[in-house]
Amino acid sequence: MDWTRMGAAPGIAGSRRPEVEGVFLCAERWEADWFIRLNNTGGPVDIWAVEGVELDLLQTSPEGFRYFPGKIDARQVQLVEQDLTAAAEL
């Protein structure tokens, strides 16, 4: 997971560039569900589990969301659920 490789894909809230230099993470499933409902990309999203990141290393964005201020190696992530939509979460 690398915010510098965002490219043309919009962020979950529809942004066209990274909001922070890092990766937004959720510690609880309800947080992930909230982001799924927020989804403004026009398509389904996936949930990935991240290993090896200490929660005390997370920072808070100006909007109040937690993120890891660095890149996360692909070996640290595992797909949990895929192709989720806000309609599926309601």
C-alpha atoms as a PDB file:
ATOM      1  CA  MET A   1       0.000   0.000   0.000  1.00  0.00           C
ATOM      2  CA  ASP A   2       1.616   3.152  -1.248  1.00  0.00           C
ATOM      3  CA  TRP A   3      -0.071   6.541  -1.481  1.00  0.00           C
ATOM      4  CA  THR A   4       2.490   7.687  -4.086  1.00  0.00           C
ATOM      5  CA  ARG A   5       1.039   5.162  -6.554  1.00  0.00           C
ATOM      6  CA  MET A   6      -2.543   6.430  -6.381  1.00  0.00           C
ATOM      7  CA  GLY A   7      -2.496   7.396 -10.052  1.00  0.00           C
ATOM      8  CA  ALA A   8      -5.840   8.131 -11.703  1.00  0.00           C
ATOM      9  CA  ALA A   9      -7.878   6.018  -9.269  1.00  0.00           C
ATOM     10  CA  PRO A  10      -9.922   8.182  -6.894  1.00  0.00           C
ATOM     11  CA  GLY A  11      -9.671   7.839  -3.135  1.00  0.00           C
ATOM     12  CA  ILE A  12     -12.554   6.354  -1.136  1.00  0.00           C
ATOM     13  CA  ALA A  13     -14.008   9.851  -0.600  1.00  0.00           C
ATOM     14  CA  GLY A  14     -13.521  10.771  -4.262  1.00  0.00           C
ATOM     15  CA  SER A  15     -10.275  12.701  -3.865  1.00  0.00           C
ATOM     16  CA  ARG A  16      -7.942  12.868  -6.853  1.00  0.00           C
ATOM     17  CA  ARG A  17      -4.762  13.048  -4.778  1.00  0.00           C
ATOM     18  CA  PRO A  18      -3.631  11.607  -1.449  1.00  0.00           C
ATOM     19  CA  GLU A  19      -5.015  13.409   1.595  1.00  0.00           C
ATOM     20  CA  VAL A  20      -1.955  12.434   3.673  1.00  0.00           C
ATOM     21  CA  GLU A  21       1.456  10.874   3.091  1.00  0.00           C
ATOM     22  CA  GLY A  22       0.420   7.509   4.411  1.00  0.00           C
ATOM     23  CA  VAL A  23      -2.165   4.750   4.401  1.00  0.00           C
ATOM     24  CA  PHE A  24      -5.512   5.072   6.172  1.00  0.00           C
ATOM     25  CA  LEU A  25      -6.231   2.081   8.402  1.00  0.00           C
ATOM     26  CA  CYS A  26      -9.154   0.923  10.532  1.00  0.00           C
ATOM     27  CA  ALA A  27      -8.704  -0.911  13.814  1.00  0.00           C
ATOM     28  CA  GLU A  28     -12.315  -2.086  14.002  1.00  0.00           C
ATOM     29  CA  ARG A  29     -14.744  -3.515  11.440  1.00  0.00           C
ATOM     30  CA  TRP A  30     -17.326  -0.776  12.137  1.00  0.00           C
ATOM     31  CA  GLU A  31     -14.757   1.773  10.924  1.00  0.00           C
ATOM     32  CA  ALA A  32     -14.281  -0.138   7.672  1.00  0.00           C
ATOM     33  CA  ASP A  33     -18.072  -0.330   7.251  1.00  0.00           C
ATOM     34  CA  TRP A  34     -18.250   3.462   7.678  1.00  0.00           C
ATOM     35  CA  PHE A  35     -15.686   3.962   4.897  1.00  0.00           C
ATOM     36  CA  ILE A  36     -17.586   1.533   2.662  1.00  0.00           C
ATOM     37  CA  ARG A  37     -20.729   3.631   3.116  1.00  0.00           C
ATOM     38  CA  LEU A  38     -18.677   6.778   2.414  1.00  0.00           C
ATOM     39  CA  ASN A  39     -17.395   5.255  -0.837  1.00  0.00           C
ATOM     40  CA  ASN A  40     -17.531   7.859  -3.576  1.00  0.00           C
ATOM     41  CA  THR A  41     -15.497   5.960  -6.189  1.00  0.00           C
ATOM     42  CA  GLY A  42     -18.495   4.751  -8.163  1.00  0.00           C
ATOM     43  CA  GLY A  43     -17.609   1.106  -7.711  1.00  0.00           C
ATOM     44  CA  PRO A  44     -17.036  -1.688  -5.218  1.00  0.00           C
ATOM     45  CA  VAL A  45     -14.190  -1.683  -2.708  1.00  0.00           C
ATOM     46  CA  ASP A  46     -12.128  -4.347  -0.977  1.00  0.00           C
ATOM     47  CA  ILE A  47     -11.113  -4.817   2.662  1.00  0.00           C
ATOM     48  CA  TRP A  48      -7.520  -5.801   3.340  1.00  0.00           C
ATOM     49  CA  ALA A  49      -5.983  -6.947   6.623  1.00  0.00           C
ATOM     50  CA  VAL A  50      -2.593  -5.458   7.484  1.00  0.00           C
ATOM     51  CA  GLU A  51      -0.059  -7.208   9.697  1.00  0.00           C
ATOM     52  CA  GLY A  52       2.993  -5.767  11.398  1.00  0.00           C
ATOM     53  CA  VAL A  53       1.766  -2.219  12.024  1.00  0.00           C
ATOM     54  CA  GLU A  54       1.621  -1.114  15.646  1.00  0.00           C
ATOM     55  CA  LEU A  55      -1.514   0.904  16.456  1.00  0.00           C
ATOM     56  CA  ASP A  56       0.529   3.400  18.484  1.00  0.00           C
ATOM     57  CA  LEU A  57       2.371   4.368  15.267  1.00  0.00           C
ATOM     58  CA  LEU A  58      -0.832   5.618  13.656  1.00  0.00           C
ATOM     59  CA  GLN A  59      -1.310   9.354  13.285  1.00  0.00           C
ATOM     60  CA  THR A  60      -4.517  11.335  12.998  1.00  0.00           C
ATOM     61  CA  SER A  61      -5.364  13.270   9.842  1.00  0.00           C
ATOM     62  CA  PRO A  62      -6.768  16.818  10.045  1.00  0.00           C
ATOM     63  CA  GLU A  63     -10.210  15.247   9.431  1.00  0.00           C
ATOM     64  CA  GLY A  64      -9.786  12.907  12.413  1.00  0.00           C
ATOM     65  CA  PHE A  65      -9.016   9.608  10.611  1.00  0.00           C
ATOM     66  CA  ARG A  66      -6.119   7.348  11.555  1.00  0.00           C
ATOM     67  CA  TYR A  67      -3.339   6.522   9.127  1.00  0.00           C
ATOM     68  CA  PHE A  68       0.081   4.890   9.046  1.00  0.00           C
ATOM     69  CA  PRO A  69       2.674   7.518   7.981  1.00  0.00           C
ATOM     70  CA  GLY A  70       4.555   5.280   5.600  1.00  0.00           C
ATOM     71  CA  LYS A  71       4.258   2.643   2.927  1.00  0.00           C
ATOM     72  CA  ILE A  72       3.068  -0.882   3.719  1.00  0.00           C
ATOM     73  CA  ASP A  73       4.778  -3.774   1.988  1.00  0.00           C
ATOM     74  CA  ALA A  74       2.563  -6.074  -0.080  1.00  0.00           C
ATOM     75  CA  ARG A  75       3.740  -9.010   2.060  1.00  0.00           C
ATOM     76  CA  GLN A  76       1.952  -7.410   5.031  1.00  0.00           C
ATOM     77  CA  VAL A  77      -1.521  -7.368   3.457  1.00  0.00           C
ATOM     78  CA  GLN A  78      -4.127 -10.036   2.866  1.00  0.00           C
ATOM     79  CA  LEU A  79      -7.485  -9.708   1.106  1.00  0.00           C
ATOM     80  CA  VAL A  80     -10.367 -10.201   3.564  1.00  0.00           C
ATOM     81  CA  GLU A  81     -13.437  -9.243   1.514  1.00  0.00           C
ATOM     82  CA  GLN A  82     -13.832  -7.974  -2.015  1.00  0.00           C
ATOM     83  CA  ASP A  83     -16.310  -6.138  -4.214  1.00  0.00           C
ATOM     84  CA  LEU A  84     -18.239  -4.545  -1.332  1.00  0.00           C
ATOM     85  CA  THR A  85     -20.714  -1.756  -1.954  1.00  0.00           C
ATOM     86  CA  ALA A  86     -22.534   0.623   0.362  1.00  0.00           C
ATOM     87  CA  ALA A  87     -25.819  -1.077  -0.565  1.00  0.00           C
ATOM     88  CA  ALA A  88     -24.455  -4.406   0.678  1.00  0.00           C
ATOM     89  CA  GLU A  89     -23.574  -2.810   4.032  1.00  0.00           C
ATOM     90  CA  LEU A  90     -27.001  -1.252   4.718  1.00  0.00           C
END
